Protein backbone atom coordinates (compact mmCIF):
# COMPACT_ATOMS: atom_id res chain seq x y z
CA MET A 1 -29.24 -23.42 5.64
CA SER A 2 -26.74 -20.97 4.15
CA ARG A 3 -23.84 -19.63 6.15
CA PRO A 4 -23.70 -15.87 6.70
CA LYS A 5 -20.98 -14.04 4.81
CA PRO A 6 -18.08 -12.97 7.00
CA HIS A 7 -17.94 -9.31 7.95
CA PRO A 8 -15.22 -7.66 5.84
CA CYS A 9 -12.35 -5.99 7.67
CA CYS A 10 -11.42 -3.90 4.61
CA PRO A 11 -13.84 -1.43 3.01
CA PRO A 12 -14.69 -1.88 -0.67
CA PHE A 13 -12.14 -0.13 -2.87
CA ASP A 14 -13.03 2.33 -5.63
CA PRO A 15 -10.18 2.36 -8.16
CA ALA A 16 -11.36 5.47 -10.07
CA PRO A 17 -9.79 8.12 -7.79
CA TRP A 18 -6.42 6.34 -7.95
CA ASP A 19 -6.01 5.31 -11.59
CA GLY A 20 -3.79 7.43 -13.81
CA LYS A 21 -3.31 10.22 -11.29
CA GLU A 22 -0.42 12.46 -10.31
CA ILE A 23 -0.03 13.02 -6.56
CA THR A 24 2.42 15.41 -4.92
CA TRP A 25 3.17 15.27 -1.20
CA SER A 26 5.20 17.75 0.78
CA GLY A 27 6.05 16.39 4.21
CA LYS A 28 3.16 13.92 4.34
CA PRO A 29 3.41 12.03 7.65
CA PHE A 30 3.80 8.25 7.68
CA VAL A 31 4.78 5.60 10.18
CA LYS A 32 7.46 3.28 8.83
CA ALA A 33 7.67 -0.41 9.78
CA ARG A 34 9.69 -3.34 8.45
CA VAL A 35 8.06 -6.52 7.10
CA THR A 36 10.02 -9.76 6.80
CA SER A 37 9.73 -11.45 3.39
CA LEU A 38 11.02 -14.52 1.63
CA PHE A 39 11.70 -13.70 -2.03
CA HIS A 40 9.18 -10.82 -1.86
CA ILE A 41 6.51 -13.00 -0.22
CA PRO A 42 5.61 -11.32 3.09
CA ILE A 43 5.94 -13.54 6.17
CA ASN A 44 4.64 -11.25 8.92
CA PHE A 45 2.75 -8.50 7.06
CA ALA A 46 -0.48 -8.96 9.04
CA ASP A 47 1.32 -9.01 12.41
CA VAL A 48 3.37 -5.90 11.60
CA LEU A 49 0.31 -4.07 10.29
CA LYS A 50 -1.79 -4.99 13.32
CA ALA A 51 0.86 -3.97 15.87
CA THR A 52 1.59 -0.71 14.06
CA MET A 53 -2.10 0.15 13.63
CA GLU A 54 -2.67 -0.42 17.35
CA LYS A 55 -0.01 2.21 18.12
CA ILE A 56 -1.47 4.58 15.52
CA MET A 57 -4.99 4.17 16.96
CA ALA A 58 -3.75 4.64 20.54
CA ALA A 59 -2.09 7.90 19.50
CA GLY A 60 -5.25 9.14 17.77
CA ALA A 61 -3.30 9.44 14.52
CA ALA A 62 -5.41 7.24 12.23
CA LEU A 63 -6.74 8.80 9.05
CA PRO A 64 -10.30 8.19 7.81
CA GLU A 65 -8.90 6.62 4.61
CA TYR A 66 -6.39 3.81 5.07
CA LEU A 67 -3.22 4.11 3.00
CA ALA A 68 -0.27 1.77 3.46
CA LEU A 69 2.51 1.72 0.89
CA SER A 70 4.94 -1.16 0.60
CA ASP A 71 8.45 -0.50 -0.69
CA GLU A 72 9.54 -3.93 -1.93
CA ASN A 73 13.20 -3.01 -1.52
CA GLY A 74 14.66 -6.43 -0.79
CA LEU A 75 14.17 -10.14 -1.33
CA PHE A 76 13.90 -10.69 2.42
CA GLY A 77 12.03 -7.60 3.56
CA SER A 78 10.07 -4.52 2.66
CA ASP A 79 9.36 -1.17 4.25
CA LEU A 80 5.74 -0.41 5.04
CA TYR A 81 4.64 3.24 5.15
CA ILE A 82 1.27 3.87 6.82
CA ALA A 83 -0.21 7.35 6.36
CA VAL A 84 -1.06 9.09 9.63
CA ALA A 85 -2.50 12.40 10.80
CA LYS A 86 0.41 13.16 13.11
CA ASP A 87 3.58 11.69 14.60
CA VAL A 88 3.14 8.52 16.68
CA PRO A 89 5.22 7.72 19.78
CA ASP A 90 7.41 4.59 19.94
CA VAL A 91 7.55 4.02 16.16
CA LYS A 92 9.62 5.37 13.29
CA ASN A 93 7.94 8.49 11.90
CA GLU A 94 8.80 9.66 8.39
CA ARG A 95 7.65 12.43 6.11
CA LEU A 96 7.39 11.83 2.37
CA SER A 97 7.93 14.64 -0.07
CA ALA A 98 7.68 13.51 -3.68
CA THR A 99 5.54 13.38 -6.79
CA PHE A 100 4.00 10.05 -7.81
CA LEU A 101 2.14 8.72 -10.82
CA THR A 102 -0.44 6.08 -9.90
CA LYS A 103 -2.00 3.19 -11.77
CA VAL A 104 -4.49 0.56 -10.55
CA PHE A 105 -4.02 -3.14 -11.27
CA GLU A 106 -6.39 -6.01 -10.55
CA GLY A 107 -5.55 -9.66 -10.06
CA PRO A 108 -3.53 -12.01 -7.87
CA TYR A 109 -0.46 -10.73 -6.02
CA LYS A 110 1.73 -13.08 -8.05
CA ASN A 111 1.32 -10.58 -10.92
CA ALA A 112 3.25 -7.89 -9.02
CA GLY A 113 6.34 -8.31 -11.22
CA LYS A 114 4.26 -7.86 -14.38
CA TRP A 115 2.53 -4.85 -12.86
CA ALA A 116 5.88 -3.28 -11.98
CA ALA A 117 7.05 -3.64 -15.59
CA GLN A 118 3.75 -2.23 -16.90
CA MET A 119 3.99 0.67 -14.45
CA LYS A 120 7.50 1.53 -15.62
CA ASP A 121 6.24 1.47 -19.22
CA TYR A 122 3.33 3.73 -18.25
CA VAL A 123 5.67 6.22 -16.54
CA ARG A 124 7.93 6.29 -19.64
CA SER A 125 4.84 6.86 -21.83
CA GLN A 126 4.21 9.97 -19.72
CA GLY A 127 7.73 11.23 -20.48
CA ARG A 128 8.93 10.55 -16.93
CA GLU A 129 11.33 8.19 -15.18
CA ALA A 130 10.40 6.05 -12.17
CA LYS A 131 12.81 6.45 -9.24
CA ARG A 132 11.06 3.77 -7.16
CA LEU A 133 7.77 1.90 -6.97
CA LEU A 134 5.51 1.62 -3.95
CA PHE A 135 2.62 -0.86 -3.74
CA PHE A 136 -0.74 -0.04 -2.10
CA TYR A 137 -2.44 -3.36 -1.37
CA THR A 138 -6.01 -2.09 -0.97
CA THR A 139 -7.57 -5.12 0.74
CA CYS A 140 -6.43 -8.17 2.63
CA PRO A 141 -6.61 -11.53 0.80
CA LYS A 142 -9.82 -12.55 2.65
CA CYS A 143 -11.66 -9.35 1.71
CA ALA A 144 -10.36 -9.50 -1.87
CA LYS A 145 -11.87 -12.98 -2.14
CA LEU A 146 -15.13 -11.78 -0.57
CA TYR A 147 -15.41 -8.82 -2.98
CA GLY A 148 -14.22 -10.82 -6.00
CA LYS A 149 -11.62 -8.14 -6.87
CA ASN A 150 -8.03 -7.73 -5.72
CA TYR A 151 -6.91 -4.19 -6.50
CA THR A 152 -3.35 -2.97 -6.07
CA VAL A 153 -2.31 0.62 -6.75
CA LEU A 154 1.26 1.24 -7.85
CA PHE A 155 2.85 4.56 -6.97
CA ALA A 156 5.83 5.49 -9.15
CA GLU A 157 7.98 8.21 -7.64
CA VAL A 158 8.98 10.52 -10.50
């Protein structure tokens, strides 16, 4: 008797709308949270995401399309920006105003360093300079395994 497949918590991801795009935001609302890492390997990502999403849901601020951007700004931590419809009480609310070039990558998270280098090359090929990179991990590891694809979108602020 075969076991039923687990119900995915993450929707399937379509890379086409995200690959090779230019996105400009003016005051786009996000909730900012801090994730603890060890040499860029997140320790409490799931716990931080769950707790923050509970507050976002309670405030009625969730968007139909999930977007969480990770700013890998330190060996021992990263900032997580979750897009919201409006400000959320009892969390840090931020507004992002910037232009980004995006590129989709597929493969294991251990390739993030290679992807960052490739993204910087891509930005230069567009005649631009990357000020910082943000990572959009589109599915959790369990859903990535279930779908057989592990997409990550890099956002280069230009």
